[in-house]
C-alpha atoms as a PDB file:
ATOM      1  CA  MET A   1      -1.692 -17.762   7.441  1.00  0.00           C
ATOM      2  CA  LYS A   2      -1.138 -19.847   4.021  1.00  0.00           C
ATOM      3  CA  LEU A   3      -0.162 -18.246   0.907  1.00  0.00           C
ATOM      4  CA  ILE A   4      -2.460 -20.219  -1.361  1.00  0.00           C
ATOM      5  CA  ASP A   5      -5.396 -19.480   1.138  1.00  0.00           C
ATOM      6  CA  PHE A   6      -4.694 -15.740   0.667  1.00  0.00           C
ATOM      7  CA  ILE A   7      -4.650 -15.915  -2.930  1.00  0.00           C
ATOM      8  CA  LYS A   8      -7.925 -17.784  -3.236  1.00  0.00           C
ATOM      9  CA  LEU A   9      -9.812 -15.457  -1.131  1.00  0.00           C
ATOM     10  CA  ARG A  10      -8.176 -12.144  -2.645  1.00  0.00           C
ATOM     11  CA  PRO A  11      -7.294 -13.121  -6.463  1.00  0.00           C
ATOM     12  CA  PHE A  12      -6.416  -9.455  -7.206  1.00  0.00           C
ATOM     13  CA  SER A  13      -4.327  -6.690  -5.614  1.00  0.00           C
ATOM     14  CA  TYR A  14      -4.913  -2.994  -6.354  1.00  0.00           C
ATOM     15  CA  HIS A  15      -2.374   0.031  -6.270  1.00  0.00           C
ATOM     16  CA  LEU A  16      -3.636   3.750  -6.675  1.00  0.00           C
ATOM     17  CA  THR A  17      -1.139   6.214  -7.833  1.00  0.00           C
ATOM     18  CA  SER A  18      -1.318   9.908  -9.294  1.00  0.00           C
ATOM     19  CA  SER A  19      -1.909   9.662 -12.873  1.00  0.00           C
ATOM     20  CA  GLU A  20       1.237  11.994 -13.414  1.00  0.00           C
ATOM     21  CA  ASN A  21       3.230   8.980 -12.129  1.00  0.00           C
ATOM     22  CA  PHE A  22       2.226   6.705 -14.766  1.00  0.00           C
ATOM     23  CA  ALA A  23       4.180   7.073 -17.644  1.00  0.00           C
ATOM     24  CA  ARG A  24       6.968   6.473 -15.602  1.00  0.00           C
ATOM     25  CA  ILE A  25       5.729   3.224 -13.961  1.00  0.00           C
ATOM     26  CA  ARG A  26       4.554   2.172 -17.466  1.00  0.00           C
ATOM     27  CA  THR A  27       8.226   2.491 -18.627  1.00  0.00           C
ATOM     28  CA  GLU A  28       9.914   0.939 -15.646  1.00  0.00           C
ATOM     29  CA  ARG A  29       7.406  -1.712 -15.130  1.00  0.00           C
ATOM     30  CA  ARG A  30       8.231  -1.163 -11.321  1.00  0.00           C
ATOM     31  CA  LEU A  31       6.532   0.475  -8.523  1.00  0.00           C
ATOM     32  CA  ARG A  32       9.063   2.097  -5.932  1.00  0.00           C
ATOM     33  CA  PRO A  33       8.921   2.904  -2.346  1.00  0.00           C
ATOM     34  CA  ALA A  34       8.614   6.579  -1.318  1.00  0.00           C
ATOM     35  CA  ILE A  35      12.208   6.676  -0.070  1.00  0.00           C
ATOM     36  CA  GLU A  36      13.321   6.419  -3.703  1.00  0.00           C
ATOM     37  CA  PHE A  37      11.860   9.777  -4.420  1.00  0.00           C
ATOM     38  CA  ILE A  38      11.731  11.731  -1.318  1.00  0.00           C
ATOM     39  CA  GLY A  39      15.302  11.993  -0.101  1.00  0.00           C
ATOM     40  CA  ARG A  40      16.551  12.283   3.337  1.00  0.00           C
ATOM     41  CA  ASP A  41      14.795  15.319   4.373  1.00  0.00           C
ATOM     42  CA  TRP A  42      11.320  13.424   4.158  1.00  0.00           C
ATOM     43  CA  LEU A  43      12.509  10.241   5.503  1.00  0.00           C
ATOM     44  CA  ARG A  44      11.096  10.460   9.098  1.00  0.00           C
ATOM     45  CA  ARG A  45       8.978  13.182   8.369  1.00  0.00           C
ATOM     46  CA  ARG A  46       5.075  13.084   8.189  1.00  0.00           C
ATOM     47  CA  ARG A  47       3.634  14.530   4.979  1.00  0.00           C
ATOM     48  CA  ASN A  48       0.685  16.903   5.356  1.00  0.00           C
ATOM     49  CA  ASN A  49       0.430  17.184   1.582  1.00  0.00           C
ATOM     50  CA  ASN A  50       1.169  15.338  -1.342  1.00  0.00           C
ATOM     51  CA  LEU A  51       5.140  15.965  -2.339  1.00  0.00           C
ATOM     52  CA  ARG A  52       5.948  16.947  -5.763  1.00  0.00           C
ATOM     53  CA  THR A  53       9.605  15.780  -6.587  1.00  0.00           C
ATOM     54  CA  ASN A  54      11.148  15.613  -9.902  1.00  0.00           C
ATOM     55  CA  LEU A  55      10.127  11.952 -10.367  1.00  0.00           C
ATOM     56  CA  ALA A  56       7.044  11.173  -8.794  1.00  0.00           C
ATOM     57  CA  ILE A  57       3.942  12.726  -7.031  1.00  0.00           C
ATOM     58  CA  VAL A  58       4.310  11.045  -3.536  1.00  0.00           C
ATOM     59  CA  ARG A  59       0.955  10.630  -1.375  1.00  0.00           C
ATOM     60  CA  ASP A  60       0.518  12.611   1.710  1.00  0.00           C
ATOM     61  CA  GLN A  61       0.482  10.837   5.178  1.00  0.00           C
ATOM     62  CA  ALA A  62      -2.395  13.317   6.453  1.00  0.00           C
ATOM     63  CA  PRO A  63      -4.487  10.657   8.052  1.00  0.00           C
ATOM     64  CA  LEU A  64      -1.468   9.136  10.029  1.00  0.00           C
ATOM     65  CA  HIS A  65      -1.933  10.865  13.469  1.00  0.00           C
ATOM     66  CA  ALA A  66       0.373   9.770  16.395  1.00  0.00           C
ATOM     67  CA  GLY A  67      -2.609  10.228  18.960  1.00  0.00           C
ATOM     68  CA  SER A  68      -4.450   7.412  17.558  1.00  0.00           C
ATOM     69  CA  ILE A  69      -1.382   4.959  17.831  1.00  0.00           C
ATOM     70  CA  LEU A  70      -0.013   2.674  20.323  1.00  0.00           C
ATOM     71  CA  PHE A  71       3.595   2.827  19.692  1.00  0.00           C
ATOM     72  CA  LEU A  72       5.460  -0.592  20.134  1.00  0.00           C
ATOM     73  CA  SER A  73       9.066  -1.509  21.003  1.00  0.00           C
ATOM     74  CA  ASN A  74       9.845   2.030  21.844  1.00  0.00           C
ATOM     75  CA  TRP A  75       8.891   3.443  18.467  1.00  0.00           C
ATOM     76  CA  GLU A  76       7.907   7.102  17.663  1.00  0.00           C
ATOM     77  CA  LEU A  77       5.947   8.538  14.779  1.00  0.00           C
ATOM     78  CA  ALA A  78       9.211   9.193  13.060  1.00  0.00           C
ATOM     79  CA  ASP A  79      10.144   5.613  13.148  1.00  0.00           C
ATOM     80  CA  LEU A  80       6.888   4.469  11.433  1.00  0.00           C
ATOM     81  CA  VAL A  81       6.952   7.171   8.827  1.00  0.00           C
ATOM     82  CA  GLU A  82      10.503   5.902   8.065  1.00  0.00           C
ATOM     83  CA  HIS A  83       9.106   2.256   8.239  1.00  0.00           C
ATOM     84  CA  LEU A  84       6.110   2.982   5.683  1.00  0.00           C
ATOM     85  CA  ASN A  85       8.125   5.183   3.364  1.00  0.00           C
ATOM     86  CA  ASN A  86      10.421   1.952   2.686  1.00  0.00           C
ATOM     87  CA  HIS A  87       7.182  -0.107   1.565  1.00  0.00           C
ATOM     88  CA  VAL A  88       4.987  -0.369  -1.406  1.00  0.00           C
ATOM     89  CA  PHE A  89       1.545  -0.737  -0.858  1.00  0.00           C
ATOM     90  CA  PHE A  90      -1.374  -2.856  -1.975  1.00  0.00           C
ATOM     91  CA  TRP A  91      -4.986  -3.184  -1.322  1.00  0.00           C
ATOM     92  CA  PRO A  92      -6.087  -7.049  -1.575  1.00  0.00           C
ATOM     93  CA  GLY A  93      -9.369  -7.615  -3.500  1.00  0.00           C
ATOM     94  CA  THR A  94     -11.503  -9.460  -5.909  1.00  0.00           C
ATOM     95  CA  GLU A  95     -11.797  -8.949  -9.661  1.00  0.00           C
ATOM     96  CA  SER A  96     -14.138  -6.344  -9.336  1.00  0.00           C
ATOM     97  CA  ASN A  97     -12.968  -4.302  -6.332  1.00  0.00           C
ATOM     98  CA  PRO A  98     -10.635  -3.856  -3.333  1.00  0.00           C
ATOM     99  CA  ILE A  99     -11.507  -4.613   0.261  1.00  0.00           C
ATOM    100  CA  THR A 100     -13.240  -1.431   1.793  1.00  0.00           C
ATOM    101  CA  ALA A 101     -10.347   0.044   3.107  1.00  0.00           C
ATOM    102  CA  GLY A 102      -8.914   0.054  -0.619  1.00  0.00           C
ATOM    103  CA  LYS A 103     -12.005   1.639  -1.759  1.00  0.00           C
ATOM    104  CA  ASN A 104     -11.869   4.377   0.910  1.00  0.00           C
ATOM    105  CA  HIS A 105      -8.607   5.054  -0.032  1.00  0.00           C
ATOM    106  CA  TYR A 106     -10.071   5.495  -3.343  1.00  0.00           C
ATOM    107  CA  GLY A 107     -12.877   8.074  -1.972  1.00  0.00           C
ATOM    108  CA  ARG A 108      -9.798  10.075  -0.142  1.00  0.00           C
ATOM    109  CA  TYR A 109      -8.359  10.930  -3.498  1.00  0.00           C
ATOM    110  CA  SER A 110     -11.225  11.065  -5.824  1.00  0.00           C
ATOM    111  CA  ASN A 111     -10.712  14.909  -6.506  1.00  0.00           C
ATOM    112  CA  GLU A 112      -7.402  13.980  -8.452  1.00  0.00           C
ATOM    113  CA  LEU A 113      -6.113  12.528 -11.404  1.00  0.00           C
ATOM    114  CA  ASN A 114      -5.671   8.743 -10.617  1.00  0.00           C
ATOM    115  CA  THR A 115      -4.419   5.548 -12.197  1.00  0.00           C
ATOM    116  CA  VAL A 116      -5.459   2.378 -10.585  1.00  0.00           C
ATOM    117  CA  LEU A 117      -3.252  -0.839 -10.960  1.00  0.00           C
ATOM    118  CA  ARG A 118      -5.022  -4.431 -10.893  1.00  0.00           C
ATOM    119  CA  ILE A 119      -2.694  -7.274 -10.489  1.00  0.00           C
ATOM    120  CA  PRO A 120      -3.107 -10.921 -10.054  1.00  0.00           C
ATOM    121  CA  THR A 121      -2.145 -11.436  -6.571  1.00  0.00           C
ATOM    122  CA  GLU A 122      -0.583 -14.824  -7.216  1.00  0.00           C
ATOM    123  CA  GLU A 123       1.445 -13.312 -10.182  1.00  0.00           C
ATOM    124  CA  LEU A 124       2.428 -10.341  -7.761  1.00  0.00           C
ATOM    125  CA  ILE A 125       3.595 -12.636  -5.219  1.00  0.00           C
ATOM    126  CA  THR A 126       5.227 -15.153  -7.446  1.00  0.00           C
ATOM    127  CA  THR A 127       7.292 -12.271  -9.378  1.00  0.00           C
ATOM    128  CA  ASN A 128       8.389 -10.226  -5.985  1.00  0.00           C
ATOM    129  CA  PRO A 129       9.933 -11.978  -3.047  1.00  0.00           C
ATOM    130  CA  ALA A 130       8.810 -11.888   0.624  1.00  0.00           C
ATOM    131  CA  PRO A 131       5.404 -10.286   0.540  1.00  0.00           C
ATOM    132  CA  LEU A 132       4.337  -8.885   3.845  1.00  0.00           C
ATOM    133  CA  PHE A 133       0.782  -8.734   5.228  1.00  0.00           C
ATOM    134  CA  SER A 134      -1.079  -6.345   7.884  1.00  0.00           C
ATOM    135  CA  ARG A 135      -4.431  -6.299   9.573  1.00  0.00           C
ATOM    136  CA  TYR A 136      -4.304  -2.690   9.512  1.00  0.00           C
ATOM    137  CA  ASN A 137      -4.263   0.241   7.085  1.00  0.00           C
ATOM    138  CA  SER A 138      -1.074   1.052   8.369  1.00  0.00           C
ATOM    139  CA  GLY A 139      -1.086   4.644   7.285  1.00  0.00           C
ATOM    140  CA  ALA A 140      -4.545   5.382   8.832  1.00  0.00           C
ATOM    141  CA  PRO A 141      -4.552   4.694  12.425  1.00  0.00           C
ATOM    142  CA  ARG A 142      -7.816   4.676  14.319  1.00  0.00           C
ATOM    143  CA  VAL A 143      -9.264   4.626  17.970  1.00  0.00           C
ATOM    144  CA  SER A 144     -11.739   1.947  17.878  1.00  0.00           C
ATOM    145  CA  GLY A 145     -13.581   0.885  21.256  1.00  0.00           C
ATOM    146  CA  GLY A 146     -11.002   2.668  23.180  1.00  0.00           C
ATOM    147  CA  LYS A 147      -8.403   0.701  21.740  1.00  0.00           C
ATOM    148  CA  TYR A 148      -5.674   2.397  20.002  1.00  0.00           C
ATOM    149  CA  SER A 149      -4.310   1.096  16.828  1.00  0.00           C
ATOM    150  CA  PRO A 150      -0.793  -0.775  17.335  1.00  0.00           C
ATOM    151  CA  ARG A 151       2.178   0.379  15.271  1.00  0.00           C
ATOM    152  CA  GLY A 152       5.958  -1.150  15.418  1.00  0.00           C
ATOM    153  CA  PRO A 153       8.389  -3.188  13.880  1.00  0.00           C
ATOM    154  CA  ARG A 154       5.828  -6.195  13.336  1.00  0.00           C
ATOM    155  CA  THR A 155       3.046  -3.900  11.713  1.00  0.00           C
ATOM    156  CA  PHE A 156       4.059  -5.851   8.396  1.00  0.00           C
ATOM    157  CA  LEU A 157       4.477  -9.625   8.729  1.00  0.00           C
ATOM    158  CA  PRO A 158       5.333 -12.753   6.725  1.00  0.00           C
ATOM    159  CA  ALA A 159       2.527 -15.147   5.939  1.00  0.00           C
ATOM    160  CA  GLU A 160       3.925 -17.692   8.038  1.00  0.00           C
ATOM    161  CA  ASP A 161       3.857 -15.136  11.250  1.00  0.00           C
ATOM    162  CA  PHE A 162       0.487 -13.765  10.363  1.00  0.00           C
ATOM    163  CA  ILE A 163      -1.858 -15.484  12.890  1.00  0.00           C
ATOM    164  CA  GLU A 164      -5.020 -14.158  11.391  1.00  0.00           C
ATOM    165  CA  THR A 165      -7.269 -15.525   8.603  1.00  0.00           C
ATOM    166  CA  PRO A 166      -6.762 -14.223   5.158  1.00  0.00           C
ATOM    167  CA  GLY A 167      -9.813 -12.246   5.632  1.00  0.00           C
ATOM    168  CA  LYS A 168      -8.315 -10.179   8.381  1.00  0.00           C
ATOM    169  CA  VAL A 169      -5.681  -8.747   5.836  1.00  0.00           C
ATOM    170  CA  LYS A 170      -5.859  -5.062   5.154  1.00  0.00           C
ATOM    171  CA  GLU A 171      -2.661  -4.360   3.169  1.00  0.00           C
ATOM    172  CA  LEU A 172      -0.285  -6.471   1.172  1.00  0.00           C
ATOM    173  CA  VAL A 173       3.089  -4.754   0.952  1.00  0.00           C
ATOM    174  CA  PHE A 174       6.699  -5.125  -0.085  1.00  0.00           C
ATOM    175  CA  ARG A 175       9.645  -3.828   0.979  1.00  0.00           C
ATOM    176  CA  SER A 176      11.657  -2.279  -1.934  1.00  0.00           C
ATOM    177  CA  SER A 177      10.751  -2.159  -5.404  1.00  0.00           C
ATOM    178  CA  VAL A 178       7.861  -4.371  -7.047  1.00  0.00           C
ATOM    179  CA  THR A 179       8.161  -5.724 -10.499  1.00  0.00           C
ATOM    180  CA  LEU A 180       4.870  -5.458 -12.240  1.00  0.00           C
ATOM    181  CA  PRO A 181       3.934  -8.913 -13.890  1.00  0.00           C
ATOM    182  CA  ARG A 182       3.224  -8.743 -17.475  1.00  0.00           C
ATOM    183  CA  ASN A 183      -0.469  -9.119 -17.310  1.00  0.00           C
ATOM    184  CA  THR A 184      -0.813  -5.855 -14.808  1.00  0.00           C
ATOM    185  CA  GLN A 185      -3.658  -3.679 -15.866  1.00  0.00           C
ATOM    186  CA  HIS A 186      -4.514  -0.029 -15.311  1.00  0.00           C
ATOM    187  CA  SER A 187      -7.510   2.037 -15.507  1.00  0.00           C
ATOM    188  CA  ALA A 188      -7.858   5.972 -15.414  1.00  0.00           C
ATOM    189  CA  ASP A 189     -11.720   6.212 -15.551  1.00  0.00           C
ATOM    190  CA  ASN A 190     -12.737   4.911 -11.922  1.00  0.00           C
ATOM    191  CA  ARG A 191     -12.083   0.922 -12.624  1.00  0.00           C
ATOM    192  CA  ARG A 192     -14.934   0.879 -15.482  1.00  0.00           C
ATOM    193  CA  SER A 193     -12.530  -0.446 -18.040  1.00  0.00           C
ATOM    194  CA  TRP A 194      -9.040  -2.128 -17.916  1.00  0.00           C
ATOM    195  CA  SER A 195      -6.168  -2.219 -20.087  1.00  0.00           C
ATOM    196  CA  ILE A 196      -2.822  -4.265 -19.976  1.00  0.00           C
ATOM    197  CA  LEU A 197      -0.051  -2.191 -18.787  1.00  0.00           C
END
């Protein structure tokens, strides 16, 4: 897949976080992977509920069901949990909305106080090295047509190894912290109005 084609199709990227995390994110101008907050105790353990730490509210992993997964390369659920905990996730989309998987994710947490970040995809990718792409909602595997959802070390791929079209990308992810570009926007009112971070 060519990055330019992905950027044209999905010119904006979205990230949902607890509103309690917003002040820290605004000060740091960074998004950090869960591993930086949860410590070793939770590195390989699935979180059934949101986890409150001294620094952040870390989202649950309740939709991550091993029974829906075809594990590759001898992985087990603990390997996948650790892998997910080392990445920062974005939903690709247009100026008005993320893709359907992103909207569904928002719906799942609609009873909580949230902040949404919206970032021009091109600036997100040029500001941060090595974007990776997934054709799945990696944290919510499903059995579809009798087929289990594959997960393994190639769940996230660089653009040159992603053999699908840009429209097949469900997640844009980065391994390690993400620097937020200067024109990152935020919304706390269900995306009705946006302000510069």
